[in-house]
Amino acid sequence: MPRIPLGEVIETFINFLVTNFSFLTMAFTRIMESVISFMENTLMLLHPLLFIIAVSALVFWLTRKKGLSIFALAGLLLIWNMQLWEATVSTITLVLIATLTALIIGIPIGIVAALSHRVNRVVQPVLDVMQTMPAFVYLIPAIPFFGLGKVAAIFATVIFSMPPAIRLTCLGIQQVPEDLVECADAFGSTKWQKLFKLQLPMATPTIMAGVNQTVMLALSMVVIAAMIGARGLGGEVWRAIQRLQMGSGFEAGIAIVIVAIILDRVLQHLGSKKQ
């Protein structure tokens, strides 16, 4: 039985894109590197102690939970004490940029997929591929397009973390009760009025669950992204693996968990408030 040259076809396609469009992606890489450096330098301007107090106060203001605020204060102080503050700021910057990019692209696609059956039939198989493809595979096209470094890591992270934002936005809008939609139609609402005044507000808790999942998946990519030069806490774990420094690896892992718990609890609370 002749072998289907699927791999060769994909490689030829990627090589075509790299040959003809790499000048655009490389220009984008230089711009993004400037943005990432600016964000990191801005966050590092503030003394770590002031930054930690400000974050803890922000957590309390958003959630009104003293326990979570104390956990944020203690956890971030522990990260600073472990001398992982710079790596943590670098990771937070990468996760913020990747998450915002995934949401800016993903939520509109989810809205269109919820409103159009044709688009939904096209999007769902693509999401199945994106969610089941091993995360390491996304590193392969990222390197020739963006080179080694943080921009390639953000590209791979965006692709890996975007599906929940699309899927849960679509699901939230589709779960709006049909009688309410018919009622809005009966009162003569336009499509935009129906979307922004009924469907999106009612779907907000589900959309927030998608935002939460997107952030968690972006955080889960930090170690994999470190393999192509993302640095940050993932870089500390990767370096510990290479040098068999188990203690350092666990310290960086604990720092990732602390950041993940703070973000998860705050986003969960914001999502529950919308219900």
C-alpha atoms as a PDB file:
ATOM      1  CA  MET A   1       0.000   0.000   0.000  1.00  0.00           C
ATOM      2  CA  PRO A   2       1.565   3.335  -1.052  1.00  0.00           C
ATOM      3  CA  ARG A   3       2.276   5.716   1.810  1.00  0.00           C
ATOM      4  CA  ILE A   4       0.317   8.993   1.789  1.00  0.00           C
ATOM      5  CA  PRO A   5       2.963  11.793   1.986  1.00  0.00           C
ATOM      6  CA  LEU A   6       1.001  13.853   4.500  1.00  0.00           C
ATOM      7  CA  GLY A   7       4.092  14.978   6.416  1.00  0.00           C
ATOM      8  CA  GLU A   8       5.887  16.030   3.224  1.00  0.00           C
ATOM      9  CA  VAL A   9       2.836  18.051   2.098  1.00  0.00           C
ATOM     10  CA  ILE A  10       2.620  19.861   5.445  1.00  0.00           C
ATOM     11  CA  GLU A  11       6.373  20.545   5.427  1.00  0.00           C
ATOM     12  CA  THR A  12       6.210  21.905   1.873  1.00  0.00           C
ATOM     13  CA  PHE A  13       3.302  24.174   2.849  1.00  0.00           C
ATOM     14  CA  ILE A  14       5.145  25.490   5.930  1.00  0.00           C
ATOM     15  CA  ASN A  15       8.325  26.024   3.877  1.00  0.00           C
ATOM     16  CA  PHE A  16       6.285  27.985   1.303  1.00  0.00           C
ATOM     17  CA  LEU A  17       4.867  30.228   4.017  1.00  0.00           C
ATOM     18  CA  VAL A  18       8.293  30.704   5.614  1.00  0.00           C
ATOM     19  CA  THR A  19       9.929  31.559   2.260  1.00  0.00           C
ATOM     20  CA  ASN A  20       7.275  34.070   1.231  1.00  0.00           C
ATOM     21  CA  PHE A  21       6.013  35.549   4.494  1.00  0.00           C
ATOM     22  CA  SER A  22       8.829  35.216   7.023  1.00  0.00           C
ATOM     23  CA  PHE A  23       9.818  38.864   6.491  1.00  0.00           C
ATOM     24  CA  LEU A  24       6.419  39.853   7.899  1.00  0.00           C
ATOM     25  CA  THR A  25       6.613  37.518  10.893  1.00  0.00           C
ATOM     26  CA  MET A  26      10.176  38.598  11.658  1.00  0.00           C
ATOM     27  CA  ALA A  27       9.134  42.264  11.556  1.00  0.00           C
ATOM     28  CA  PHE A  28       6.239  41.382  13.867  1.00  0.00           C
ATOM     29  CA  THR A  29       8.717  39.581  16.134  1.00  0.00           C
ATOM     30  CA  ARG A  30      10.883  42.698  16.519  1.00  0.00           C
ATOM     31  CA  ILE A  31       7.832  44.823  17.384  1.00  0.00           C
ATOM     32  CA  MET A  32       6.534  42.260  19.880  1.00  0.00           C
ATOM     33  CA  GLU A  33       9.945  41.925  21.528  1.00  0.00           C
ATOM     34  CA  SER A  34       9.914  45.685  22.114  1.00  0.00           C
ATOM     35  CA  VAL A  35       6.415  45.483  23.622  1.00  0.00           C
ATOM     36  CA  ILE A  36       7.379  42.556  25.874  1.00  0.00           C
ATOM     37  CA  SER A  37      10.551  44.320  27.047  1.00  0.00           C
ATOM     38  CA  PHE A  38       8.584  47.507  27.759  1.00  0.00           C
ATOM     39  CA  MET A  39       5.986  45.625  29.813  1.00  0.00           C
ATOM     40  CA  GLU A  40       8.603  43.691  31.768  1.00  0.00           C
ATOM     41  CA  ASN A  41      10.674  46.804  32.472  1.00  0.00           C
ATOM     42  CA  THR A  42       7.557  48.715  33.539  1.00  0.00           C
ATOM     43  CA  LEU A  43       6.518  45.984  35.977  1.00  0.00           C
ATOM     44  CA  MET A  44      10.077  45.726  37.303  1.00  0.00           C
ATOM     45  CA  LEU A  45      10.212  49.486  37.977  1.00  0.00           C
ATOM     46  CA  LEU A  46       8.010  48.970  41.019  1.00  0.00           C
ATOM     47  CA  HIS A  47       9.761  47.551  44.071  1.00  0.00           C
ATOM     48  CA  PRO A  48       8.696  43.901  44.593  1.00  0.00           C
ATOM     49  CA  LEU A  49       7.273  44.649  48.049  1.00  0.00           C
ATOM     50  CA  LEU A  50       5.116  47.490  46.736  1.00  0.00           C
ATOM     51  CA  PHE A  51       4.050  45.319  43.797  1.00  0.00           C
ATOM     52  CA  ILE A  52       3.038  42.479  46.152  1.00  0.00           C
ATOM     53  CA  ILE A  53       1.039  44.822  48.419  1.00  0.00           C
ATOM     54  CA  ALA A  54      -0.671  46.372  45.385  1.00  0.00           C
ATOM     55  CA  VAL A  55      -1.608  42.953  43.957  1.00  0.00           C
ATOM     56  CA  SER A  56      -2.934  41.763  47.337  1.00  0.00           C
ATOM     57  CA  ALA A  57      -5.022  44.927  47.693  1.00  0.00           C
ATOM     58  CA  LEU A  58      -6.331  44.462  44.139  1.00  0.00           C
ATOM     59  CA  VAL A  59      -7.281  40.858  44.929  1.00  0.00           C
ATOM     60  CA  PHE A  60      -9.215  42.002  48.019  1.00  0.00           C
ATOM     61  CA  TRP A  61     -10.925  44.811  46.082  1.00  0.00           C
ATOM     62  CA  LEU A  62     -12.019  42.394  43.347  1.00  0.00           C
ATOM     63  CA  THR A  63     -13.099  39.481  45.564  1.00  0.00           C
ATOM     64  CA  ARG A  64     -13.693  40.914  49.086  1.00  0.00           C
ATOM     65  CA  LYS A  65     -12.103  37.717  50.419  1.00  0.00           C
ATOM     66  CA  LYS A  66      -9.563  38.238  53.202  1.00  0.00           C
ATOM     67  CA  GLY A  67      -8.306  34.645  52.981  1.00  0.00           C
ATOM     68  CA  LEU A  68      -7.463  34.910  49.293  1.00  0.00           C
ATOM     69  CA  SER A  69      -5.796  38.304  49.810  1.00  0.00           C
ATOM     70  CA  ILE A  70      -3.648  36.884  52.620  1.00  0.00           C
ATOM     71  CA  PHE A  71      -2.765  33.893  50.414  1.00  0.00           C
ATOM     72  CA  ALA A  72      -1.774  36.250  47.584  1.00  0.00           C
ATOM     73  CA  LEU A  73       0.377  38.310  49.971  1.00  0.00           C
ATOM     74  CA  ALA A  74       2.074  35.258  51.519  1.00  0.00           C
ATOM     75  CA  GLY A  75       2.481  33.428  48.211  1.00  0.00           C
ATOM     76  CA  LEU A  76       4.055  36.365  46.380  1.00  0.00           C
ATOM     77  CA  LEU A  77       6.337  37.075  49.360  1.00  0.00           C
ATOM     78  CA  LEU A  78       7.448  33.429  49.196  1.00  0.00           C
ATOM     79  CA  ILE A  79       8.200  33.809  45.467  1.00  0.00           C
ATOM     80  CA  TRP A  80      10.263  36.938  46.204  1.00  0.00           C
ATOM     81  CA  ASN A  81      12.046  35.127  49.023  1.00  0.00           C
ATOM     82  CA  MET A  82      12.938  32.267  46.630  1.00  0.00           C
ATOM     83  CA  GLN A  83      14.602  34.878  44.361  1.00  0.00           C
ATOM     84  CA  LEU A  84      12.191  34.072  41.542  1.00  0.00           C
ATOM     85  CA  TRP A  85      10.634  37.529  41.302  1.00  0.00           C
ATOM     86  CA  GLU A  86      12.139  38.510  37.936  1.00  0.00           C
ATOM     87  CA  ALA A  87      11.215  35.141  36.414  1.00  0.00           C
ATOM     88  CA  THR A  88       7.669  35.490  37.802  1.00  0.00           C
ATOM     89  CA  VAL A  89       7.230  38.956  36.283  1.00  0.00           C
ATOM     90  CA  SER A  90       8.491  37.592  32.948  1.00  0.00           C
ATOM     91  CA  THR A  91       5.988  34.713  33.131  1.00  0.00           C
ATOM     92  CA  ILE A  92       3.093  36.998  34.088  1.00  0.00           C
ATOM     93  CA  THR A  93       3.937  39.261  31.116  1.00  0.00           C
ATOM     94  CA  LEU A  94       3.993  36.295  28.713  1.00  0.00           C
ATOM     95  CA  VAL A  95       0.727  34.884  30.072  1.00  0.00           C
ATOM     96  CA  LEU A  96      -0.993  38.292  29.964  1.00  0.00           C
ATOM     97  CA  ILE A  97      -0.031  38.938  26.337  1.00  0.00           C
ATOM     98  CA  ALA A  98      -0.864  35.393  25.214  1.00  0.00           C
ATOM     99  CA  THR A  99      -4.204  35.372  27.081  1.00  0.00           C
ATOM    100  CA  LEU A 100      -5.290  38.779  25.802  1.00  0.00           C
ATOM    101  CA  THR A 101      -4.391  37.780  22.229  1.00  0.00           C
ATOM    102  CA  ALA A 102      -6.261  34.470  22.566  1.00  0.00           C
ATOM    103  CA  LEU A 103      -9.352  36.253  23.946  1.00  0.00           C
ATOM    104  CA  ILE A 104      -9.305  39.043  21.342  1.00  0.00           C
ATOM    105  CA  ILE A 105      -9.257  36.407  18.581  1.00  0.00           C
ATOM    106  CA  GLY A 106     -11.261  33.659  20.290  1.00  0.00           C
ATOM    107  CA  ILE A 107     -14.322  35.434  21.704  1.00  0.00           C
ATOM    108  CA  PRO A 108     -15.399  37.030  18.374  1.00  0.00           C
ATOM    109  CA  ILE A 109     -14.951  33.661  16.637  1.00  0.00           C
ATOM    110  CA  GLY A 110     -17.087  32.045  19.359  1.00  0.00           C
ATOM    111  CA  ILE A 111     -19.811  34.679  18.867  1.00  0.00           C
ATOM    112  CA  VAL A 112     -19.862  34.173  15.086  1.00  0.00           C
ATOM    113  CA  ALA A 113     -19.877  30.380  15.529  1.00  0.00           C
ATOM    114  CA  ALA A 114     -22.865  30.644  17.907  1.00  0.00           C
ATOM    115  CA  LEU A 115     -24.837  32.795  15.465  1.00  0.00           C
ATOM    116  CA  SER A 116     -23.976  30.892  12.276  1.00  0.00           C
ATOM    117  CA  HIS A 117     -24.459  27.127  11.901  1.00  0.00           C
ATOM    118  CA  ARG A 118     -22.178  27.085   8.831  1.00  0.00           C
ATOM    119  CA  VAL A 119     -19.309  28.747  10.702  1.00  0.00           C
ATOM    120  CA  ASN A 120     -19.922  26.446  13.672  1.00  0.00           C
ATOM    121  CA  ARG A 121     -19.634  23.354  11.467  1.00  0.00           C
ATOM    122  CA  VAL A 122     -16.240  24.607  10.237  1.00  0.00           C
ATOM    123  CA  VAL A 123     -14.940  25.801  13.629  1.00  0.00           C
ATOM    124  CA  GLN A 124     -15.773  22.717  15.716  1.00  0.00           C
ATOM    125  CA  PRO A 125     -13.455  20.248  13.854  1.00  0.00           C
ATOM    126  CA  VAL A 126     -10.651  22.851  13.969  1.00  0.00           C
ATOM    127  CA  LEU A 127     -11.145  23.193  17.740  1.00  0.00           C
ATOM    128  CA  ASP A 128     -11.050  19.395  18.096  1.00  0.00           C
ATOM    129  CA  VAL A 129      -7.658  19.372  16.338  1.00  0.00           C
ATOM    130  CA  MET A 130      -6.346  22.307  18.380  1.00  0.00           C
ATOM    131  CA  GLN A 131      -7.375  20.724  21.699  1.00  0.00           C
ATOM    132  CA  THR A 132      -6.087  17.218  20.990  1.00  0.00           C
ATOM    133  CA  MET A 133      -2.851  18.106  19.189  1.00  0.00           C
ATOM    134  CA  PRO A 134       0.121  17.684  21.579  1.00  0.00           C
ATOM    135  CA  ALA A 135       1.320  21.095  22.765  1.00  0.00           C
ATOM    136  CA  PHE A 136       4.892  20.345  21.662  1.00  0.00           C
ATOM    137  CA  VAL A 137       3.742  20.245  18.011  1.00  0.00           C
ATOM    138  CA  TYR A 138       2.868  23.947  18.142  1.00  0.00           C
ATOM    139  CA  LEU A 139       6.533  24.738  18.777  1.00  0.00           C
ATOM    140  CA  ILE A 140       7.494  23.361  15.336  1.00  0.00           C
ATOM    141  CA  PRO A 141       5.951  26.097  13.120  1.00  0.00           C
ATOM    142  CA  ALA A 142       6.598  28.791  15.750  1.00  0.00           C
ATOM    143  CA  ILE A 143      10.393  28.567  15.390  1.00  0.00           C
ATOM    144  CA  PRO A 144      10.748  29.150  11.587  1.00  0.00           C
ATOM    145  CA  PHE A 145       8.169  31.957  11.650  1.00  0.00           C
ATOM    146  CA  PHE A 146       9.269  33.825  14.763  1.00  0.00           C
ATOM    147  CA  GLY A 147      12.683  32.398  15.679  1.00  0.00           C
ATOM    148  CA  LEU A 148      13.694  31.264  19.134  1.00  0.00           C
ATOM    149  CA  GLY A 149      12.434  33.421  21.993  1.00  0.00           C
ATOM    150  CA  LYS A 150       9.377  34.803  23.709  1.00  0.00           C
ATOM    151  CA  VAL A 151       7.405  35.742  20.588  1.00  0.00           C
ATOM    152  CA  ALA A 152       7.481  32.157  19.312  1.00  0.00           C
ATOM    153  CA  ALA A 153       6.476  31.021  22.802  1.00  0.00           C
ATOM    154  CA  ILE A 154       3.525  33.445  22.816  1.00  0.00           C
ATOM    155  CA  PHE A 155       2.443  32.198  19.362  1.00  0.00           C
ATOM    156  CA  ALA A 156       2.442  28.568  20.542  1.00  0.00           C
ATOM    157  CA  THR A 157       0.681  29.539  23.793  1.00  0.00           C
ATOM    158  CA  VAL A 158      -2.056  31.457  21.960  1.00  0.00           C
ATOM    159  CA  ILE A 159      -2.802  28.495  19.660  1.00  0.00           C
ATOM    160  CA  PHE A 160      -2.836  26.076  22.602  1.00  0.00           C
ATOM    161  CA  SER A 161      -4.971  28.192  24.956  1.00  0.00           C
ATOM    162  CA  MET A 162      -7.519  29.673  22.529  1.00  0.00           C
ATOM    163  CA  PRO A 163     -10.028  26.760  22.076  1.00  0.00           C
ATOM    164  CA  PRO A 164     -11.821  27.150  25.479  1.00  0.00           C
ATOM    165  CA  ALA A 165     -12.467  30.841  24.770  1.00  0.00           C
ATOM    166  CA  ILE A 166     -14.103  29.973  21.432  1.00  0.00           C
ATOM    167  CA  ARG A 167     -15.974  26.880  22.606  1.00  0.00           C
ATOM    168  CA  LEU A 168     -17.409  28.327  25.840  1.00  0.00           C
ATOM    169  CA  THR A 169     -18.380  31.650  24.227  1.00  0.00           C
ATOM    170  CA  CYS A 170     -20.265  29.706  21.576  1.00  0.00           C
ATOM    171  CA  LEU A 171     -21.850  27.431  24.197  1.00  0.00           C
ATOM    172  CA  GLY A 172     -22.881  30.330  26.448  1.00  0.00           C
ATOM    173  CA  ILE A 173     -24.736  32.116  23.647  1.00  0.00           C
ATOM    174  CA  GLN A 174     -26.366  28.916  22.428  1.00  0.00           C
ATOM    175  CA  GLN A 175     -27.650  28.195  25.960  1.00  0.00           C
ATOM    176  CA  VAL A 176     -29.617  31.450  26.180  1.00  0.00           C
ATOM    177  CA  PRO A 177     -33.284  30.327  26.551  1.00  0.00           C
ATOM    178  CA  GLU A 178     -35.053  30.299  23.212  1.00  0.00           C
ATOM    179  CA  ASP A 179     -38.195  31.948  24.628  1.00  0.00           C
ATOM    180  CA  LEU A 180     -36.147  35.003  25.679  1.00  0.00           C
ATOM    181  CA  VAL A 181     -34.678  35.262  22.182  1.00  0.00           C
ATOM    182  CA  GLU A 182     -38.172  34.984  20.673  1.00  0.00           C
ATOM    183  CA  CYS A 183     -39.387  37.630  23.112  1.00  0.00           C
ATOM    184  CA  ALA A 184     -36.597  39.979  21.987  1.00  0.00           C
ATOM    185  CA  ASP A 185     -37.548  39.301  18.354  1.00  0.00           C
ATOM    186  CA  ALA A 186     -41.197  40.005  19.153  1.00  0.00           C
ATOM    187  CA  PHE A 187     -40.267  43.422  20.587  1.00  0.00           C
ATOM    188  CA  GLY A 188     -38.438  44.240  17.351  1.00  0.00           C
ATOM    189  CA  SER A 189     -34.847  44.037  18.633  1.00  0.00           C
ATOM    190  CA  THR A 190     -32.152  44.186  16.006  1.00  0.00           C
ATOM    191  CA  LYS A 191     -29.432  41.498  15.859  1.00  0.00           C
ATOM    192  CA  TRP A 192     -26.949  43.831  17.580  1.00  0.00           C
ATOM    193  CA  GLN A 193     -29.407  44.781  20.327  1.00  0.00           C
ATOM    194  CA  LYS A 194     -30.250  41.121  20.887  1.00  0.00           C
ATOM    195  CA  LEU A 195     -26.551  40.194  21.026  1.00  0.00           C
ATOM    196  CA  PHE A 196     -25.297  42.970  23.312  1.00  0.00           C
ATOM    197  CA  LYS A 197     -28.354  43.393  25.568  1.00  0.00           C
ATOM    198  CA  LEU A 198     -29.514  39.784  25.935  1.00  0.00           C
ATOM    199  CA  GLN A 199     -27.239  37.024  24.653  1.00  0.00           C
ATOM    200  CA  LEU A 200     -23.816  38.297  25.777  1.00  0.00           C
ATOM    201  CA  PRO A 201     -24.970  39.401  29.278  1.00  0.00           C
ATOM    202  CA  MET A 202     -26.664  36.038  29.888  1.00  0.00           C
ATOM    203  CA  ALA A 203     -23.666  34.147  28.489  1.00  0.00           C
ATOM    204  CA  THR A 204     -21.124  36.090  30.575  1.00  0.00           C
ATOM    205  CA  PRO A 205     -20.657  33.426  33.334  1.00  0.00           C
ATOM    206  CA  THR A 206     -19.902  30.778  30.697  1.00  0.00           C
ATOM    207  CA  ILE A 207     -17.614  33.179  28.804  1.00  0.00           C
ATOM    208  CA  MET A 208     -15.773  33.929  32.066  1.00  0.00           C
ATOM    209  CA  ALA A 209     -15.302  30.174  32.570  1.00  0.00           C
ATOM    210  CA  GLY A 210     -13.687  30.137  29.119  1.00  0.00           C
ATOM    211  CA  VAL A 211     -11.452  33.062  30.093  1.00  0.00           C
ATOM    212  CA  ASN A 212     -10.426  31.167  33.224  1.00  0.00           C
ATOM    213  CA  GLN A 213      -9.594  28.042  31.217  1.00  0.00           C
ATOM    214  CA  THR A 214      -7.611  30.118  28.708  1.00  0.00           C
ATOM    215  CA  VAL A 215      -5.471  31.619  31.496  1.00  0.00           C
ATOM    216  CA  MET A 216      -4.863  28.206  33.069  1.00  0.00           C
ATOM    217  CA  LEU A 217      -3.846  26.653  29.733  1.00  0.00           C
ATOM    218  CA  ALA A 218      -1.524  29.606  29.042  1.00  0.00           C
ATOM    219  CA  LEU A 219       0.120  29.040  32.436  1.00  0.00           C
ATOM    220  CA  SER A 220       0.431  25.320  31.745  1.00  0.00           C
ATOM    221  CA  MET A 221       2.457  26.129  28.626  1.00  0.00           C
ATOM    222  CA  VAL A 222       5.223  28.053  30.401  1.00  0.00           C
ATOM    223  CA  VAL A 223       7.501  25.021  30.856  1.00  0.00           C
ATOM    224  CA  ILE A 224       6.972  23.775  27.284  1.00  0.00           C
ATOM    225  CA  ALA A 225       7.474  27.299  25.926  1.00  0.00           C
ATOM    226  CA  ALA A 226      10.761  27.524  27.853  1.00  0.00           C
ATOM    227  CA  MET A 227      12.184  24.928  25.456  1.00  0.00           C
ATOM    228  CA  ILE A 228      12.219  27.593  22.725  1.00  0.00           C
ATOM    229  CA  GLY A 229      13.575  30.391  24.884  1.00  0.00           C
ATOM    230  CA  ALA A 230      10.575  31.788  26.757  1.00  0.00           C
ATOM    231  CA  ARG A 231      12.586  31.925  30.025  1.00  0.00           C
ATOM    232  CA  GLY A 232      10.580  32.975  33.109  1.00  0.00           C
ATOM    233  CA  LEU A 233       9.487  30.356  35.642  1.00  0.00           C
ATOM    234  CA  GLY A 234       9.260  27.744  32.887  1.00  0.00           C
ATOM    235  CA  GLY A 235      12.906  28.457  32.065  1.00  0.00           C
ATOM    236  CA  GLU A 236      13.838  27.865  35.711  1.00  0.00           C
ATOM    237  CA  VAL A 237      12.063  24.476  35.641  1.00  0.00           C
ATOM    238  CA  TRP A 238      13.677  23.548  32.312  1.00  0.00           C
ATOM    239  CA  ARG A 239      17.134  24.531  33.615  1.00  0.00           C
ATOM    240  CA  ALA A 240      16.566  22.468  36.784  1.00  0.00           C
ATOM    241  CA  ILE A 241      15.617  19.438  34.670  1.00  0.00           C
ATOM    242  CA  GLN A 242      18.753  19.769  32.543  1.00  0.00           C
ATOM    243  CA  ARG A 243      21.015  20.083  35.628  1.00  0.00           C
ATOM    244  CA  LEU A 244      19.057  17.644  37.852  1.00  0.00           C
ATOM    245  CA  GLN A 245      18.507  20.410  40.449  1.00  0.00           C
ATOM    246  CA  MET A 246      15.319  18.981  41.978  1.00  0.00           C
ATOM    247  CA  GLY A 247      14.932  21.658  44.669  1.00  0.00           C
ATOM    248  CA  SER A 248      15.172  24.545  42.212  1.00  0.00           C
ATOM    249  CA  GLY A 249      12.719  22.836  39.890  1.00  0.00           C
ATOM    250  CA  PHE A 250      10.130  22.378  42.654  1.00  0.00           C
ATOM    251  CA  GLU A 251      10.574  25.995  43.815  1.00  0.00           C
ATOM    252  CA  ALA A 252       9.795  27.268  40.301  1.00  0.00           C
ATOM    253  CA  GLY A 253       6.875  24.818  40.075  1.00  0.00           C
ATOM    254  CA  ILE A 254       5.454  26.078  43.385  1.00  0.00           C
ATOM    255  CA  ALA A 255       5.740  29.671  42.109  1.00  0.00           C
ATOM    256  CA  ILE A 256       3.724  28.723  38.999  1.00  0.00           C
ATOM    257  CA  VAL A 257       1.077  27.089  41.210  1.00  0.00           C
ATOM    258  CA  ILE A 258       0.805  30.200  43.431  1.00  0.00           C
ATOM    259  CA  VAL A 259       0.283  32.473  40.410  1.00  0.00           C
ATOM    260  CA  ALA A 260      -2.234  29.993  38.938  1.00  0.00           C
ATOM    261  CA  ILE A 261      -4.272  29.772  42.181  1.00  0.00           C
ATOM    262  CA  ILE A 262      -4.469  33.565  42.539  1.00  0.00           C
ATOM    263  CA  LEU A 263      -5.591  34.060  38.930  1.00  0.00           C
ATOM    264  CA  ASP A 264      -8.011  31.114  39.070  1.00  0.00           C
ATOM    265  CA  ARG A 265      -9.762  32.202  42.269  1.00  0.00           C
ATOM    266  CA  VAL A 266     -10.065  35.836  41.171  1.00  0.00           C
ATOM    267  CA  LEU A 267     -11.472  34.876  37.761  1.00  0.00           C
ATOM    268  CA  GLN A 268     -13.841  32.325  39.330  1.00  0.00           C
ATOM    269  CA  HIS A 269     -15.152  35.006  41.684  1.00  0.00           C
ATOM    270  CA  LEU A 270     -15.617  37.502  38.861  1.00  0.00           C
ATOM    271  CA  GLY A 271     -17.464  34.847  36.849  1.00  0.00           C
ATOM    272  CA  SER A 272     -19.757  33.924  39.757  1.00  0.00           C
ATOM    273  CA  LYS A 273     -20.615  37.594  40.356  1.00  0.00           C
ATOM    274  CA  LYS A 274     -22.081  37.774  36.864  1.00  0.00           C
ATOM    275  CA  GLN A 275     -24.544  34.950  37.551  1.00  0.00           C
END
